[in-house]
Amino acid sequence: MAHRPLEVDLSGHVAMVTGANRGMGKETARELARMGAQVVLACRSKGLGESAAAEIANSTGNSRVMAMQVDLSSQASVHAFASDFLERFDKLDVLVNNAAASLAIREITSEGFERHWATNVLGPYVLTKQLLPALKAGDEGRIVTVSTLAAGGLDLTDTQYERRRYSGTGAYRASKQASRMLTWELADRLIDTPVTANALNPGYVLTELTTNVSGPLKLLVKLTSFKAVTPLDGADTAIWLAASPEAKRETGKFWNKRREVRCRFREPRAIQELSKLADRQTGLTRPSAFGRPQRR
């Protein structure tokens, strides 16, 4: 499905897109800026983020585009980033959790977590919780999480691949299953608030995430590359969930090509176990009604 531009006025809205210096994140940020939102590009590289922000501002005529630096694989970085954002902004209307890691070899962060898990699960988990006060300050905060139809293989007894043989593709797929499950938990907890939470499949887009593979998968990517869509097409559903009036009250759903699709990762007990694990691994408490989380 080709991207269908939305004609929505987002003037007065504040949007944040993680991993927005390239690919789908950049195109998502560009479209939100085109519709008039003030857009924050949350990027690991300050230089690449600022370059992307300048390009988006020039191409859309919207000068209210800025980059802020954050490393989602570092919880310390996420906390500092969120504090900085909350000092600068009174509200946040849209949070697009787009950034993700895809690695061929197992890496451990300075905080002791496998990098897929740290970047794709724990970082967005902390960021979203820290920004909830700003999301709830507006009329209709929207949380949009980029996942994949290929999600699966999560083992809550070994999220760090300390017992199992490591697989980069497996670790990526498992992290995306976890991000979906945490989205459903979040949506349930926010059901009585104006904030919505949804996840989506972007489709087959040739990015560093899909090309950074080895062995048989590398050959498969090469053979199927003709089926890939552009980053803008891949970003279409994220943009739609972030801005369209049709998606205003939708929450707790998994989307593909702007349509809800079935998600099999909805077992309540497993979601609860994952949520408790994420709380322990991030050192966050669970206040009632999802107020501002505090460090233990």
Protein backbone atom coordinates (compact mmCIF):
# COMPACT_ATOMS: atom_id res chain seq x y z
CA MET A 1 0.00 0.00 0.00
CA ALA A 2 1.42 3.35 -1.01
CA HIS A 3 1.56 6.15 1.51
CA ARG A 4 -1.62 8.23 1.52
CA PRO A 5 -0.82 11.68 2.90
CA LEU A 6 -3.05 12.88 5.72
CA GLU A 7 -4.47 16.36 5.57
CA VAL A 8 -4.64 17.06 9.28
CA ASP A 9 -3.82 20.26 11.12
CA LEU A 10 -1.46 19.46 13.98
CA SER A 11 -0.71 23.06 14.87
CA GLY A 12 -0.20 23.34 18.61
CA HIS A 13 0.70 19.66 18.92
CA VAL A 14 4.03 18.37 20.21
CA ALA A 15 5.29 15.08 18.79
CA MET A 16 8.35 12.97 19.54
CA VAL A 17 9.81 10.30 17.27
CA THR A 18 12.67 8.11 18.44
CA GLY A 19 15.31 7.02 15.95
CA ALA A 20 14.23 9.83 13.65
CA ASN A 21 17.50 10.70 11.94
CA ARG A 22 16.90 8.18 9.13
CA GLY A 23 14.50 5.70 7.58
CA MET A 24 10.93 5.34 8.76
CA GLY A 25 11.51 7.47 11.83
CA LYS A 26 12.69 10.36 9.72
CA GLU A 27 9.73 10.07 7.36
CA THR A 28 7.33 9.88 10.30
CA ALA A 29 8.85 13.03 11.78
CA ARG A 30 8.73 14.77 8.40
CA GLU A 31 5.03 14.06 7.91
CA LEU A 32 4.13 15.18 11.42
CA ALA A 33 6.10 18.39 10.81
CA ARG A 34 4.37 18.85 7.44
CA MET A 35 1.05 18.75 9.29
CA GLY A 36 2.23 21.54 11.58
CA ALA A 37 3.32 19.75 14.74
CA GLN A 38 6.33 20.77 16.77
CA VAL A 39 8.52 17.71 16.40
CA VAL A 40 11.32 16.42 18.61
CA LEU A 41 13.72 13.97 16.97
CA ALA A 42 15.05 11.72 19.73
CA CYS A 43 18.31 10.39 18.31
CA ARG A 44 21.40 8.61 19.58
CA SER A 45 23.68 10.74 17.39
CA LYS A 46 23.45 14.46 18.09
CA GLY A 47 25.03 15.38 14.76
CA LEU A 48 22.82 13.11 12.63
CA GLY A 49 19.77 14.20 14.57
CA GLU A 50 20.46 17.89 14.05
CA SER A 51 21.15 17.31 10.36
CA ALA A 52 17.85 15.46 9.96
CA ALA A 53 15.97 18.15 11.88
CA ALA A 54 17.39 20.86 9.62
CA GLU A 55 16.48 18.88 6.51
CA ILE A 56 12.93 18.28 7.73
CA ALA A 57 12.49 21.94 8.65
CA ASN A 58 13.70 23.02 5.20
CA SER A 59 11.55 20.52 3.30
CA THR A 60 8.35 21.26 5.24
CA GLY A 61 8.74 24.94 6.00
CA ASN A 62 8.16 24.14 9.66
CA SER A 63 10.89 25.65 11.82
CA ARG A 64 9.58 23.97 14.97
CA VAL A 65 11.68 20.84 14.49
CA MET A 66 14.51 20.02 16.87
CA ALA A 67 16.78 17.13 17.80
CA MET A 68 17.52 15.90 21.30
CA GLN A 69 20.12 13.26 22.09
CA VAL A 70 19.25 9.98 23.81
CA ASP A 71 20.69 6.49 23.84
CA LEU A 72 17.78 4.11 24.38
CA SER A 73 20.12 1.28 25.32
CA SER A 74 21.09 3.29 28.44
CA GLN A 75 18.46 3.80 31.11
CA ALA A 76 20.56 6.60 32.60
CA SER A 77 20.49 8.38 29.25
CA VAL A 78 16.73 7.90 28.96
CA HIS A 79 16.10 9.35 32.42
CA ALA A 80 18.28 12.39 31.68
CA PHE A 81 16.59 12.88 28.32
CA ALA A 82 13.08 12.65 29.78
CA SER A 83 13.93 15.12 32.54
CA ASP A 84 15.31 17.55 29.96
CA PHE A 85 12.20 17.21 27.81
CA LEU A 86 9.82 17.73 30.74
CA GLU A 87 11.68 20.90 31.69
CA ARG A 88 11.28 22.26 28.16
CA PHE A 89 7.74 21.15 27.33
CA ASP A 90 4.45 21.23 29.22
CA LYS A 91 2.84 18.47 27.19
CA LEU A 92 3.42 15.76 24.62
CA ASP A 93 0.66 14.83 22.20
CA VAL A 94 2.37 12.04 20.26
CA LEU A 95 5.14 9.60 21.18
CA VAL A 96 6.32 7.31 18.38
CA ASN A 97 8.58 4.54 19.72
CA ASN A 98 10.34 3.82 16.45
CA ALA A 99 14.02 3.30 17.29
CA ALA A 100 15.27 -0.27 17.45
CA ALA A 101 18.47 -2.28 17.44
CA SER A 102 19.22 -5.28 15.21
CA LEU A 103 22.57 -6.96 15.78
CA ALA A 104 24.23 -10.07 14.47
CA ILE A 105 26.29 -10.72 17.61
CA ARG A 106 25.45 -10.60 21.30
CA GLU A 107 26.40 -7.35 22.99
CA ILE A 108 26.00 -6.35 26.62
CA THR A 109 25.39 -2.74 27.57
CA SER A 110 27.27 -0.95 30.34
CA GLU A 111 24.18 -1.52 32.52
CA GLY A 112 24.40 -5.27 32.00
CA PHE A 113 21.61 -5.99 29.51
CA GLU A 114 21.64 -7.68 26.11
CA ARG A 115 21.50 -4.80 23.65
CA HIS A 116 18.32 -5.79 21.77
CA TRP A 117 16.49 -6.06 25.07
CA ALA A 118 17.95 -2.83 26.41
CA THR A 119 17.20 -0.79 23.28
CA ASN A 120 13.94 -2.28 22.03
CA VAL A 121 12.24 -3.07 25.34
CA LEU A 122 13.67 -1.40 28.44
CA GLY A 123 14.59 1.95 26.88
CA PRO A 124 11.12 2.60 25.39
CA TYR A 125 9.52 1.26 28.59
CA VAL A 126 11.36 3.79 30.75
CA LEU A 127 10.89 6.61 28.24
CA THR A 128 7.15 6.06 27.92
CA LYS A 129 6.62 5.89 31.66
CA GLN A 130 8.67 9.01 32.30
CA LEU A 131 6.76 10.95 29.65
CA LEU A 132 3.28 9.88 30.76
CA PRO A 133 2.67 13.10 32.75
CA ALA A 134 3.29 15.11 29.57
CA LEU A 135 1.13 12.75 27.49
CA LYS A 136 -1.70 13.03 29.99
CA ALA A 137 -1.42 16.84 30.06
CA GLY A 138 -2.91 17.14 26.56
CA ASP A 139 -6.36 16.32 25.25
CA GLU A 140 -5.49 13.04 23.53
CA GLY A 141 -2.01 11.69 24.00
CA ARG A 142 -1.07 8.95 21.56
CA ILE A 143 1.62 6.31 22.06
CA VAL A 144 2.60 4.49 18.88
CA THR A 145 5.04 1.58 18.97
CA VAL A 146 6.63 0.12 15.86
CA SER A 147 6.73 -3.69 16.06
CA THR A 148 6.65 -6.43 13.42
CA LEU A 149 4.52 -9.35 12.26
CA ALA A 150 7.64 -11.48 12.73
CA ALA A 151 7.64 -11.01 16.51
CA GLY A 152 7.89 -14.14 18.67
CA GLY A 153 10.12 -16.49 20.61
CA LEU A 154 10.12 -14.61 23.91
CA ASP A 155 11.43 -16.62 26.87
CA LEU A 156 10.82 -14.74 30.09
CA THR A 157 13.21 -17.04 31.96
CA ASP A 158 16.14 -16.03 29.73
CA THR A 159 15.59 -12.60 28.19
CA GLN A 160 19.35 -11.98 28.21
CA TYR A 161 20.35 -15.16 26.35
CA GLU A 162 22.49 -16.36 29.21
CA ARG A 163 21.38 -20.00 28.86
CA ARG A 164 20.26 -20.32 25.26
CA ARG A 165 22.36 -20.13 22.14
CA TYR A 166 22.30 -16.55 20.95
CA SER A 167 20.59 -15.55 17.72
CA GLY A 168 20.49 -11.92 16.61
CA THR A 169 17.29 -12.47 14.66
CA GLY A 170 15.77 -14.39 17.57
CA ALA A 171 16.68 -11.68 20.06
CA TYR A 172 15.17 -9.03 17.80
CA ARG A 173 11.93 -10.99 17.31
CA ALA A 174 11.64 -11.65 21.05
CA SER A 175 12.16 -7.98 21.88
CA LYS A 176 9.38 -7.04 19.48
CA GLN A 177 7.03 -9.55 21.08
CA ALA A 178 7.80 -7.97 24.45
CA SER A 179 7.17 -4.46 23.13
CA ARG A 180 3.74 -5.55 21.90
CA MET A 181 2.84 -7.17 25.21
CA LEU A 182 3.91 -4.09 27.17
CA THR A 183 1.78 -1.99 24.83
CA TRP A 184 -1.32 -4.02 25.75
CA GLU A 185 -0.53 -3.70 29.44
CA LEU A 186 -0.05 0.04 29.07
CA ALA A 187 -3.29 0.45 27.10
CA ASP A 188 -5.24 -1.39 29.81
CA ARG A 189 -3.80 0.80 32.56
CA LEU A 190 -4.57 3.98 30.64
CA ILE A 191 -8.09 3.01 29.62
CA ASP A 192 -9.69 5.69 31.81
CA THR A 193 -7.37 8.43 30.58
CA PRO A 194 -7.26 10.31 27.26
CA VAL A 195 -3.99 8.53 26.35
CA THR A 196 -4.05 5.69 23.83
CA ALA A 197 -1.41 3.05 23.08
CA ASN A 198 -1.14 1.01 19.89
CA ALA A 199 1.46 -1.10 18.08
CA LEU A 200 1.95 -1.69 14.38
CA ASN A 201 3.70 -3.63 11.66
CA PRO A 202 5.45 -1.34 9.17
CA GLY A 203 5.79 -3.93 6.44
CA TYR A 204 8.94 -5.00 4.67
CA VAL A 205 11.27 -2.01 4.51
CA LEU A 206 14.95 -2.26 3.59
CA THR A 207 16.66 -0.57 6.52
CA GLU A 208 19.75 -1.38 8.57
CA LEU A 209 17.48 -3.55 10.70
CA THR A 210 16.61 -5.83 7.78
CA THR A 211 19.98 -5.79 6.05
CA ASN A 212 22.09 -6.30 9.18
CA VAL A 213 21.72 -10.08 9.09
CA SER A 214 24.00 -12.95 8.14
CA GLY A 215 23.89 -16.46 6.73
CA PRO A 216 20.71 -17.71 5.01
CA LEU A 217 18.76 -14.61 6.10
CA LYS A 218 21.16 -12.35 4.20
CA LEU A 219 20.47 -14.33 1.01
CA LEU A 220 16.75 -14.21 1.71
CA VAL A 221 16.84 -10.41 2.06
CA LYS A 222 18.72 -10.16 -1.22
CA LEU A 223 16.25 -12.40 -3.04
CA THR A 224 13.17 -10.64 -1.68
CA SER A 225 14.38 -7.03 -1.76
CA PHE A 226 12.16 -6.31 -4.76
CA LYS A 227 9.16 -6.70 -2.44
CA ALA A 228 10.34 -3.99 -0.05
CA VAL A 229 8.44 -0.74 0.35
CA THR A 230 9.93 2.71 0.80
CA PRO A 231 10.58 4.10 4.29
CA LEU A 232 7.69 6.51 3.79
CA ASP A 233 5.33 3.66 2.89
CA GLY A 234 6.61 1.72 5.89
CA ALA A 235 5.91 4.71 8.12
CA ASP A 236 2.36 5.14 6.83
CA THR A 237 0.53 3.26 9.59
CA ALA A 238 2.60 4.92 12.32
CA ILE A 239 1.77 8.34 10.86
CA TRP A 240 -1.90 7.38 10.61
CA LEU A 241 -2.03 6.22 14.23
CA ALA A 242 -0.22 9.36 15.36
CA ALA A 243 -2.34 11.90 13.52
CA SER A 244 -5.55 10.67 11.94
CA PRO A 245 -8.96 11.51 13.44
CA GLU A 246 -10.03 7.92 12.72
CA ALA A 247 -7.45 6.58 15.16
CA LYS A 248 -8.24 9.09 17.89
CA ARG A 249 -9.90 6.67 20.33
CA GLU A 250 -8.32 3.43 19.16
CA THR A 251 -6.20 1.76 21.82
CA GLY A 252 -4.68 -1.59 22.70
CA LYS A 253 -4.65 -2.79 19.10
CA PHE A 254 -2.14 -4.12 16.58
CA TRP A 255 -2.25 -2.56 13.13
CA ASN A 256 -1.05 -3.39 9.64
CA LYS A 257 -1.76 -1.16 6.63
CA ARG A 258 -4.10 0.95 8.78
CA ARG A 259 -6.19 -2.09 9.67
CA GLU A 260 -6.39 -3.95 12.95
CA VAL A 261 -4.91 -7.43 12.79
CA ARG A 262 -4.88 -10.25 15.31
CA CYS A 263 -2.08 -10.37 17.88
CA ARG A 264 -1.54 -13.70 19.61
CA PHE A 265 0.56 -12.25 22.45
CA ARG A 266 -2.27 -11.33 24.80
CA GLU A 267 -2.14 -13.94 27.56
CA PRO A 268 -2.79 -11.92 30.76
CA ARG A 269 -0.49 -13.91 33.03
CA ALA A 270 2.46 -13.67 30.64
CA ILE A 271 1.89 -9.94 30.20
CA GLN A 272 1.82 -9.48 33.97
CA GLU A 273 5.03 -11.47 34.40
CA LEU A 274 6.76 -9.44 31.69
CA SER A 275 5.59 -6.15 33.21
CA LYS A 276 6.93 -7.13 36.63
CA LEU A 277 10.21 -8.20 35.06
CA ALA A 278 10.52 -4.89 33.22
CA ASP A 279 9.84 -3.04 36.48
CA ARG A 280 12.60 -4.97 38.22
CA GLN A 281 15.07 -4.49 35.39
CA THR A 282 14.42 -0.76 35.18
CA GLY A 283 14.04 -0.07 38.89
CA LEU A 284 10.71 1.64 38.34
CA THR A 285 7.80 1.44 40.76
CA ARG A 286 4.22 1.08 39.60
CA PRO A 287 2.24 4.01 41.03
CA SER A 288 -1.55 3.95 40.89
CA ALA A 289 -3.14 5.48 37.80
CA PHE A 290 0.31 5.63 36.20
CA GLY A 291 1.49 8.84 37.74
CA ARG A 292 5.10 9.94 37.43
CA PRO A 293 7.29 6.87 38.01
CA GLN A 294 9.97 7.09 40.64
CA ARG A 295 13.33 5.34 40.85
CA ARG A 296 13.68 2.83 43.67
